[in-house]
């Protein structure tokens, strides 16, 4: 997944995360904004990564299940 390489650059939380996700091309803008808002509420980098992975997993399942 391309998002990981953007996150590995040490992008801070919030809008820059949203930009990184959109730049990776893996999520549409609206979903990226929702993801960004949720991740901004996390307090540590580890929690941020966990939240991203959790939401992406839910998104992937939703897309697969139609």
C-alpha atoms as a PDB file:
ATOM      1  CA  UNK A   1       0.000   0.000   0.000  1.00  0.00           C
ATOM      2  CA  UNK A   2       1.351   3.416  -0.964  1.00  0.00           C
ATOM      3  CA  UNK A   3       0.068   5.185   2.141  1.00  0.00           C
ATOM      4  CA  UNK A   4       2.745   3.545   4.278  1.00  0.00           C
ATOM      5  CA  UNK A   5       5.606   5.280   2.465  1.00  0.00           C
ATOM      6  CA  UNK A   6       3.922   8.649   3.019  1.00  0.00           C
ATOM      7  CA  UNK A   7       3.351   7.933   6.708  1.00  0.00           C
ATOM      8  CA  UNK A   8       6.932   6.752   7.106  1.00  0.00           C
ATOM      9  CA  UNK A   9       8.129  10.228   6.151  1.00  0.00           C
ATOM     10  CA  UNK A  10       6.980  11.397   9.576  1.00  0.00           C
ATOM     11  CA  UNK A  11       3.947  13.306   8.383  1.00  0.00           C
ATOM     12  CA  UNK A  12       2.222  14.997  11.323  1.00  0.00           C
ATOM     13  CA  UNK A  13      -1.409  14.312  12.147  1.00  0.00           C
ATOM     14  CA  UNK A  14      -4.367  16.155  10.667  1.00  0.00           C
ATOM     15  CA  UNK A  15      -4.487  17.752   7.253  1.00  0.00           C
ATOM     16  CA  UNK A  16      -0.986  16.663   6.244  1.00  0.00           C
ATOM     17  CA  UNK A  17      -2.043  13.053   6.826  1.00  0.00           C
ATOM     18  CA  UNK A  18      -5.097  13.685   4.675  1.00  0.00           C
ATOM     19  CA  UNK A  19      -2.857  15.088   1.946  1.00  0.00           C
ATOM     20  CA  UNK A  20      -0.542  12.084   2.166  1.00  0.00           C
ATOM     21  CA  UNK A  21      -3.465   9.682   1.823  1.00  0.00           C
ATOM     22  CA  UNK A  22      -4.834  11.529  -1.183  1.00  0.00           C
ATOM     23  CA  UNK A  23      -1.345  11.693  -2.722  1.00  0.00           C
ATOM     24  CA  UNK A  24      -1.040   7.931  -2.330  1.00  0.00           C
ATOM     25  CA  UNK A  25      -4.226   7.642  -4.377  1.00  0.00           C
ATOM     26  CA  UNK A  26      -5.703   4.901  -2.184  1.00  0.00           C
ATOM     27  CA  UNK A  27      -8.738   6.775  -0.864  1.00  0.00           C
ATOM     28  CA  UNK A  28     -11.008   9.428  -2.288  1.00  0.00           C
ATOM     29  CA  UNK A  29     -10.871  12.928  -0.806  1.00  0.00           C
ATOM     30  CA  UNK A  30     -14.033  12.647   1.289  1.00  0.00           C
ATOM     31  CA  UNK A  31     -12.937   9.465   3.016  1.00  0.00           C
ATOM     32  CA  UNK A  32      -9.462  10.898   3.543  1.00  0.00           C
ATOM     33  CA  UNK A  33     -10.970  13.881   5.377  1.00  0.00           C
ATOM     34  CA  UNK A  34     -12.940  11.562   7.678  1.00  0.00           C
ATOM     35  CA  UNK A  35      -9.834   9.481   8.295  1.00  0.00           C
ATOM     36  CA  UNK A  36      -7.813  12.607   8.998  1.00  0.00           C
ATOM     37  CA  UNK A  37     -10.375  13.897  11.504  1.00  0.00           C
ATOM     38  CA  UNK A  38     -10.385  10.600  13.383  1.00  0.00           C
ATOM     39  CA  UNK A  39      -6.607  10.352  13.420  1.00  0.00           C
ATOM     40  CA  UNK A  40      -6.208  13.894  14.714  1.00  0.00           C
ATOM     41  CA  UNK A  41      -7.942  12.754  17.909  1.00  0.00           C
ATOM     42  CA  UNK A  42      -5.179  10.230  18.634  1.00  0.00           C
ATOM     43  CA  UNK A  43      -2.380  11.200  20.984  1.00  0.00           C
ATOM     44  CA  UNK A  44       0.629   9.179  19.846  1.00  0.00           C
ATOM     45  CA  UNK A  45       2.186   8.132  16.558  1.00  0.00           C
ATOM     46  CA  UNK A  46       1.576   4.462  17.395  1.00  0.00           C
ATOM     47  CA  UNK A  47      -2.139   5.138  17.965  1.00  0.00           C
ATOM     48  CA  UNK A  48      -2.285   7.121  14.733  1.00  0.00           C
ATOM     49  CA  UNK A  49      -0.850   4.240  12.697  1.00  0.00           C
ATOM     50  CA  UNK A  50      -3.174   1.779  14.452  1.00  0.00           C
ATOM     51  CA  UNK A  51      -6.205   3.966  13.655  1.00  0.00           C
ATOM     52  CA  UNK A  52      -5.189   4.289  10.004  1.00  0.00           C
ATOM     53  CA  UNK A  53      -4.755   0.537   9.625  1.00  0.00           C
ATOM     54  CA  UNK A  54      -8.039  -0.182  11.412  1.00  0.00           C
ATOM     55  CA  UNK A  55     -10.008   2.223   9.234  1.00  0.00           C
ATOM     56  CA  UNK A  56      -8.329   1.017   6.047  1.00  0.00           C
ATOM     57  CA  UNK A  57      -9.198  -2.558   6.935  1.00  0.00           C
ATOM     58  CA  UNK A  58     -12.847  -1.586   7.401  1.00  0.00           C
ATOM     59  CA  UNK A  59     -12.762   0.338   4.128  1.00  0.00           C
ATOM     60  CA  UNK A  60     -11.199  -2.553   2.229  1.00  0.00           C
ATOM     61  CA  UNK A  61     -13.841  -4.971   3.552  1.00  0.00           C
ATOM     62  CA  UNK A  62     -16.597  -2.530   2.622  1.00  0.00           C
ATOM     63  CA  UNK A  63     -15.237  -2.174  -0.911  1.00  0.00           C
ATOM     64  CA  UNK A  64     -14.820  -5.921  -1.318  1.00  0.00           C
ATOM     65  CA  UNK A  65     -18.312  -6.676  -0.011  1.00  0.00           C
ATOM     66  CA  UNK A  66     -19.816  -3.991  -2.221  1.00  0.00           C
END
